[in-house]
PDB file of N, CA and C in Angstrom:
ATOM      1  N   UNK A   1       0.818  -1.195   0.000  1.00  0.00           N
ATOM      2  CA  UNK A   1       0.000   0.000   0.000  1.00  0.00           C
ATOM      3  C   UNK A   1       0.859   1.256   0.000  1.00  0.00           C
ATOM      4  N   UNK A   2       1.963   1.211   0.745  1.00  0.00           N
ATOM      5  CA  UNK A   2       2.828   2.379   0.821  1.00  0.00           C
ATOM      6  C   UNK A   2       3.379   2.723  -0.569  1.00  0.00           C
ATOM      7  N   UNK A   3       3.722   1.679  -1.310  1.00  0.00           N
ATOM      8  CA  UNK A   3       4.251   1.900  -2.661  1.00  0.00           C
ATOM      9  C   UNK A   3       3.216   2.600  -3.537  1.00  0.00           C
ATOM     10  N   UNK A   4       1.978   2.120  -3.521  1.00  0.00           N
ATOM     11  CA  UNK A   4       0.935   2.725  -4.347  1.00  0.00           C
ATOM     12  C   UNK A   4       0.668   4.170  -3.944  1.00  0.00           C
ATOM     13  N   UNK A   5       0.685   4.448  -2.666  1.00  0.00           N
ATOM     14  CA  UNK A   5       0.499   5.831  -2.211  1.00  0.00           C
ATOM     15  C   UNK A   5       1.645   6.702  -2.705  1.00  0.00           C
ATOM     16  N   UNK A   6       2.853   6.167  -2.666  1.00  0.00           N
ATOM     17  CA  UNK A   6       4.005   6.918  -3.169  1.00  0.00           C
ATOM     18  C   UNK A   6       3.875   7.191  -4.660  1.00  0.00           C
ATOM     19  N   UNK A   7       3.395   6.209  -5.390  1.00  0.00           N
ATOM     20  CA  UNK A   7       3.200   6.386  -6.832  1.00  0.00           C
ATOM     21  C   UNK A   7       2.164   7.475  -7.091  1.00  0.00           C
ATOM     22  N   UNK A   8       1.058   7.429  -6.389  1.00  0.00           N
ATOM     23  CA  UNK A   8      -0.005   8.430  -6.567  1.00  0.00           C
ATOM     24  C   UNK A   8       0.513   9.822  -6.210  1.00  0.00           C
ATOM     25  N   UNK A   9       1.241   9.921  -5.108  1.00  0.00           N
ATOM     26  CA  UNK A   9       1.797  11.221  -4.709  1.00  0.00           C
ATOM     27  C   UNK A   9       2.766  11.748  -5.766  1.00  0.00           C
ATOM     28  N   UNK A  10       3.576  10.880  -6.303  1.00  0.00           N
ATOM     29  CA  UNK A  10       4.544  11.292  -7.323  1.00  0.00           C
ATOM     30  C   UNK A  10       3.844  11.704  -8.615  1.00  0.00           C
ATOM     31  N   UNK A  11       2.791  10.985  -8.983  1.00  0.00           N
ATOM     32  CA  UNK A  11       2.053  11.308 -10.209  1.00  0.00           C
ATOM     33  C   UNK A  11       1.375  12.671 -10.107  1.00  0.00           C
ATOM     34  N   UNK A  12       1.027  13.085  -8.912  1.00  0.00           N
ATOM     35  CA  UNK A  12       0.423  14.407  -8.727  1.00  0.00           C
ATOM     36  C   UNK A  12       1.433  15.526  -8.979  1.00  0.00           C
ATOM     37  N   UNK A  13       2.717  15.219  -8.862  1.00  0.00           N
ATOM     38  CA  UNK A  13       3.764  16.213  -9.070  1.00  0.00           C
ATOM     39  C   UNK A  13       4.161  16.354 -10.540  1.00  0.00           C
ATOM     40  N   UNK A  14       3.717  15.428 -11.356  1.00  0.00           N
ATOM     41  CA  UNK A  14       4.083  15.446 -12.773  1.00  0.00           C
ATOM     42  C   UNK A  14       3.385  16.601 -13.477  1.00  0.00           C
ATOM     43  N   UNK A  15       4.126  17.292 -14.321  1.00  0.00           N
ATOM     44  CA  UNK A  15       3.544  18.333 -15.162  1.00  0.00           C
ATOM     45  C   UNK A  15       3.199  17.685 -16.495  1.00  0.00           C
ATOM     46  N   UNK A  16       1.926  17.453 -16.717  1.00  0.00           N
ATOM     47  CA  UNK A  16       1.491  16.771 -17.927  1.00  0.00           C
ATOM     48  C   UNK A  16       1.401  17.760 -19.080  1.00  0.00           C
ATOM     49  N   UNK A  17       1.723  17.319 -20.303  1.00  0.00           N
ATOM     50  CA  UNK A  17       1.627  18.227 -21.449  1.00  0.00           C
ATOM     51  C   UNK A  17       0.172  18.542 -21.775  1.00  0.00           C
ATOM     52  N   UNK A  18      -0.017  19.721 -22.351  1.00  0.00           N
ATOM     53  CA  UNK A  18      -1.365  20.101 -22.767  1.00  0.00           C
ATOM     54  C   UNK A  18      -1.721  19.337 -24.036  1.00  0.00           C
ATOM     55  N   UNK A  19      -2.988  19.397 -24.409  1.00  0.00           N
ATOM     56  CA  UNK A  19      -3.424  18.719 -25.636  1.00  0.00           C
ATOM     57  C   UNK A  19      -2.705  19.306 -26.847  1.00  0.00           C
ATOM     58  N   UNK A  20      -2.510  20.613 -26.841  1.00  0.00           N
ATOM     59  CA  UNK A  20      -1.822  21.278 -27.958  1.00  0.00           C
ATOM     60  C   UNK A  20      -0.376  20.788 -28.070  1.00  0.00           C
ATOM     61  N   UNK A  21       0.316  20.680 -26.944  1.00  0.00           N
ATOM     62  CA  UNK A  21       1.698  20.188 -26.945  1.00  0.00           C
ATOM     63  C   UNK A  21       1.761  18.735 -27.405  1.00  0.00           C
ATOM     64  N   UNK A  22       0.797  17.944 -26.968  1.00  0.00           N
ATOM     65  CA  UNK A  22       0.764  16.540 -27.358  1.00  0.00           C
ATOM     66  C   UNK A  22       0.555  16.394 -28.859  1.00  0.00           C
ATOM     67  N   UNK A  23      -0.376  17.178 -29.418  1.00  0.00           N
ATOM     68  CA  UNK A  23      -0.602  17.145 -30.870  1.00  0.00           C
ATOM     69  C   UNK A  23       0.650  17.579 -31.626  1.00  0.00           C
ATOM     70  N   UNK A  24       1.296  18.645 -31.155  1.00  0.00           N
ATOM     71  CA  UNK A  24       2.509  19.146 -31.808  1.00  0.00           C
ATOM     72  C   UNK A  24       3.615  18.092 -31.781  1.00  0.00           C
ATOM     73  N   UNK A  25       3.832  17.498 -30.627  1.00  0.00           N
ATOM     74  CA  UNK A  25       4.889  16.504 -30.499  1.00  0.00           C
ATOM     75  C   UNK A  25       4.582  15.249 -31.314  1.00  0.00           C
ATOM     76  N   UNK A  26       3.318  14.838 -31.315  1.00  0.00           N
ATOM     77  CA  UNK A  26       2.918  13.675 -32.105  1.00  0.00           C
ATOM     78  C   UNK A  26       3.109  13.947 -33.588  1.00  0.00           C
ATOM     79  N   UNK A  27       2.729  15.133 -34.032  1.00  0.00           N
ATOM     80  CA  UNK A  27       2.921  15.508 -35.436  1.00  0.00           C
ATOM     81  C   UNK A  27       4.397  15.506 -35.804  1.00  0.00           C
ATOM     82  N   UNK A  28       5.229  15.995 -34.909  1.00  0.00           N
ATOM     83  CA  UNK A  28       6.671  16.009 -35.157  1.00  0.00           C
ATOM     84  C   UNK A  28       7.213  14.595 -35.315  1.00  0.00           C
ATOM     85  N   UNK A  29       6.795  13.693 -34.454  1.00  0.00           N
ATOM     86  CA  UNK A  29       7.259  12.307 -34.527  1.00  0.00           C
ATOM     87  C   UNK A  29       6.793  11.651 -35.820  1.00  0.00           C
ATOM     88  N   UNK A  30       5.532  11.850 -36.181  1.00  0.00           N
ATOM     89  CA  UNK A  30       4.999  11.244 -37.401  1.00  0.00           C
ATOM     90  C   UNK A  30       5.716  11.794 -38.629  1.00  0.00           C
ATOM     91  N   UNK A  31       5.888  13.108 -38.706  1.00  0.00           N
ATOM     92  CA  UNK A  31       6.565  13.723 -39.847  1.00  0.00           C
ATOM     93  C   UNK A  31       8.013  13.251 -39.946  1.00  0.00           C
ATOM     94  N   UNK A  32       8.710  13.206 -38.827  1.00  0.00           N
ATOM     95  CA  UNK A  32      10.092  12.737 -38.823  1.00  0.00           C
ATOM     96  C   UNK A  32      10.175  11.284 -39.272  1.00  0.00           C
ATOM     97  N   UNK A  33       9.248  10.458 -38.820  1.00  0.00           N
ATOM     98  CA  UNK A  33       9.225   9.053 -39.225  1.00  0.00           C
ATOM     99  C   UNK A  33       9.004   8.915 -40.723  1.00  0.00           C
ATOM    100  N   UNK A  34       8.093   9.707 -41.266  1.00  0.00           N
ATOM    101  CA  UNK A  34       7.824   9.667 -42.708  1.00  0.00           C
ATOM    102  C   UNK A  34       9.056  10.113 -43.488  1.00  0.00           C
ATOM    103  N   UNK A  35       9.699  11.191 -43.046  1.00  0.00           N
ATOM    104  CA  UNK A  35      10.895  11.679 -43.740  1.00  0.00           C
ATOM    105  C   UNK A  35      12.027  10.656 -43.704  1.00  0.00           C
ATOM    106  N   UNK A  36      12.231  10.013 -42.569  1.00  0.00           N
ATOM    107  CA  UNK A  36      13.255   8.976 -42.485  1.00  0.00           C
ATOM    108  C   UNK A  36      12.904   7.791 -43.380  1.00  0.00           C
ATOM    109  N   UNK A  37      11.645   7.411 -43.427  1.00  0.00           N
ATOM    110  CA  UNK A  37      11.222   6.302 -44.286  1.00  0.00           C
ATOM    111  C   UNK A  37      11.494   6.628 -45.750  1.00  0.00           C
ATOM    112  N   UNK A  38      11.178   7.848 -46.162  1.00  0.00           N
ATOM    113  CA  UNK A  38      11.439   8.263 -47.545  1.00  0.00           C
ATOM    114  C   UNK A  38      12.942   8.263 -47.815  1.00  0.00           C
ATOM    115  N   UNK A  39      13.717   8.810 -46.898  1.00  0.00           N
ATOM    116  CA  UNK A  39      15.171   8.851 -47.062  1.00  0.00           C
ATOM    117  C   UNK A  39      15.739   7.441 -47.231  1.00  0.00           C
ATOM    118  N   UNK A  40      15.361   6.526 -46.345  1.00  0.00           N
ATOM    119  CA  UNK A  40      15.894   5.170 -46.426  1.00  0.00           C
ATOM    120  C   UNK A  40      15.404   4.441 -47.672  1.00  0.00           C
ATOM    121  N   UNK A  41      14.191   4.725 -48.113  1.00  0.00           N
ATOM    122  CA  UNK A  41      13.688   4.118 -49.345  1.00  0.00           C
ATOM    123  C   UNK A  41      14.503   4.590 -50.541  1.00  0.00           C
ATOM    124  N   UNK A  42      14.819   5.880 -50.592  1.00  0.00           N
ATOM    125  CA  UNK A  42      15.623   6.420 -51.699  1.00  0.00           C
ATOM    126  C   UNK A  42      17.037   5.846 -51.667  1.00  0.00           C
ATOM    127  N   UNK A  43      17.647   5.798 -50.493  1.00  0.00           N
ATOM    128  CA  UNK A  43      18.992   5.230 -50.373  1.00  0.00           C
ATOM    129  C   UNK A  43      18.976   3.758 -50.767  1.00  0.00           C
ATOM    130  N   UNK A  44      17.990   3.018 -50.322  1.00  0.00           N
ATOM    131  CA  UNK A  44      17.868   1.606 -50.671  1.00  0.00           C
ATOM    132  C   UNK A  44      17.723   1.439 -52.176  1.00  0.00           C
ATOM    133  N   UNK A  45      16.862   2.235 -52.783  1.00  0.00           N
ATOM    134  CA  UNK A  45      16.653   2.175 -54.228  1.00  0.00           C
ATOM    135  C   UNK A  45      17.957   2.483 -54.968  1.00  0.00           C
ATOM    136  N   UNK A  46      18.685   3.513 -54.524  1.00  0.00           N
ATOM    137  CA  UNK A  46      19.938   3.899 -55.174  1.00  0.00           C
ATOM    138  C   UNK A  46      20.990   2.799 -55.044  1.00  0.00           C
ATOM    139  N   UNK A  47      21.116   2.221 -53.874  1.00  0.00           N
ATOM    140  CA  UNK A  47      22.096   1.149 -53.683  1.00  0.00           C
ATOM    141  C   UNK A  47      21.759  -0.074 -54.525  1.00  0.00           C
ATOM    142  N   UNK A  48      20.489  -0.405 -54.609  1.00  0.00           N
ATOM    143  CA  UNK A  48      20.076  -1.536 -55.444  1.00  0.00           C
ATOM    144  C   UNK A  48      20.401  -1.245 -56.906  1.00  0.00           C
ATOM    145  N   UNK A  49      20.129  -0.020 -57.357  1.00  0.00           N
ATOM    146  CA  UNK A  49      20.423   0.353 -58.741  1.00  0.00           C
ATOM    147  C   UNK A  49      21.923   0.271 -59.017  1.00  0.00           C
ATOM    148  N   UNK A  50      22.738   0.752 -58.093  1.00  0.00           N
ATOM    149  CA  UNK A  50      24.195   0.705 -58.265  1.00  0.00           C
ATOM    150  C   UNK A  50      24.686  -0.733 -58.277  1.00  0.00           C
ATOM    151  N   UNK A  51      24.222  -1.535 -57.328  1.00  0.00           N
ATOM    152  CA  UNK A  51      24.656  -2.931 -57.269  1.00  0.00           C
ATOM    153  C   UNK A  51      24.219  -3.707 -58.504  1.00  0.00           C
ATOM    154  N   UNK A  52      23.020  -3.464 -58.979  1.00  0.00           N
ATOM    155  CA  UNK A  52      22.552  -4.158 -60.179  1.00  0.00           C
ATOM    156  C   UNK A  52      23.385  -3.773 -61.397  1.00  0.00           C
ATOM    157  N   UNK A  53      23.854  -2.553 -61.446  1.00  0.00           N
ATOM    158  CA  UNK A  53      24.647  -2.085 -62.583  1.00  0.00           C
ATOM    159  C   UNK A  53      26.031  -2.735 -62.595  1.00  0.00           C
ATOM    160  N   UNK A  54      26.650  -2.888 -61.425  1.00  0.00           N
ATOM    161  CA  UNK A  54      28.021  -3.368 -61.360  1.00  0.00           C
ATOM    162  C   UNK A  54      28.162  -4.857 -61.036  1.00  0.00           C
ATOM    163  N   UNK A  55      27.238  -5.419 -60.333  1.00  0.00           N
ATOM    164  CA  UNK A  55      27.386  -6.802 -59.873  1.00  0.00           C
ATOM    165  C   UNK A  55      26.644  -7.778 -60.770  1.00  0.00           C
ATOM    166  N   UNK A  56      25.437  -7.463 -61.136  1.00  0.00           N
ATOM    167  CA  UNK A  56      24.623  -8.428 -61.874  1.00  0.00           C
ATOM    168  C   UNK A  56      24.602  -8.152 -63.331  1.00  0.00           C
TER     169      UNK A  56
END
């Protein structure tokens, strides 16, 4: 019980982000993930094209 009370007391001290901050941060993560996916897809495509030209 003491542990749970400590957890509850600690959670009351947390400064939770606002809905606006959460949306902004979520959008940033999604956009960054999409940009990295595009970057790696282009690099993968380029490496495959180079390898196919010289190896196969």
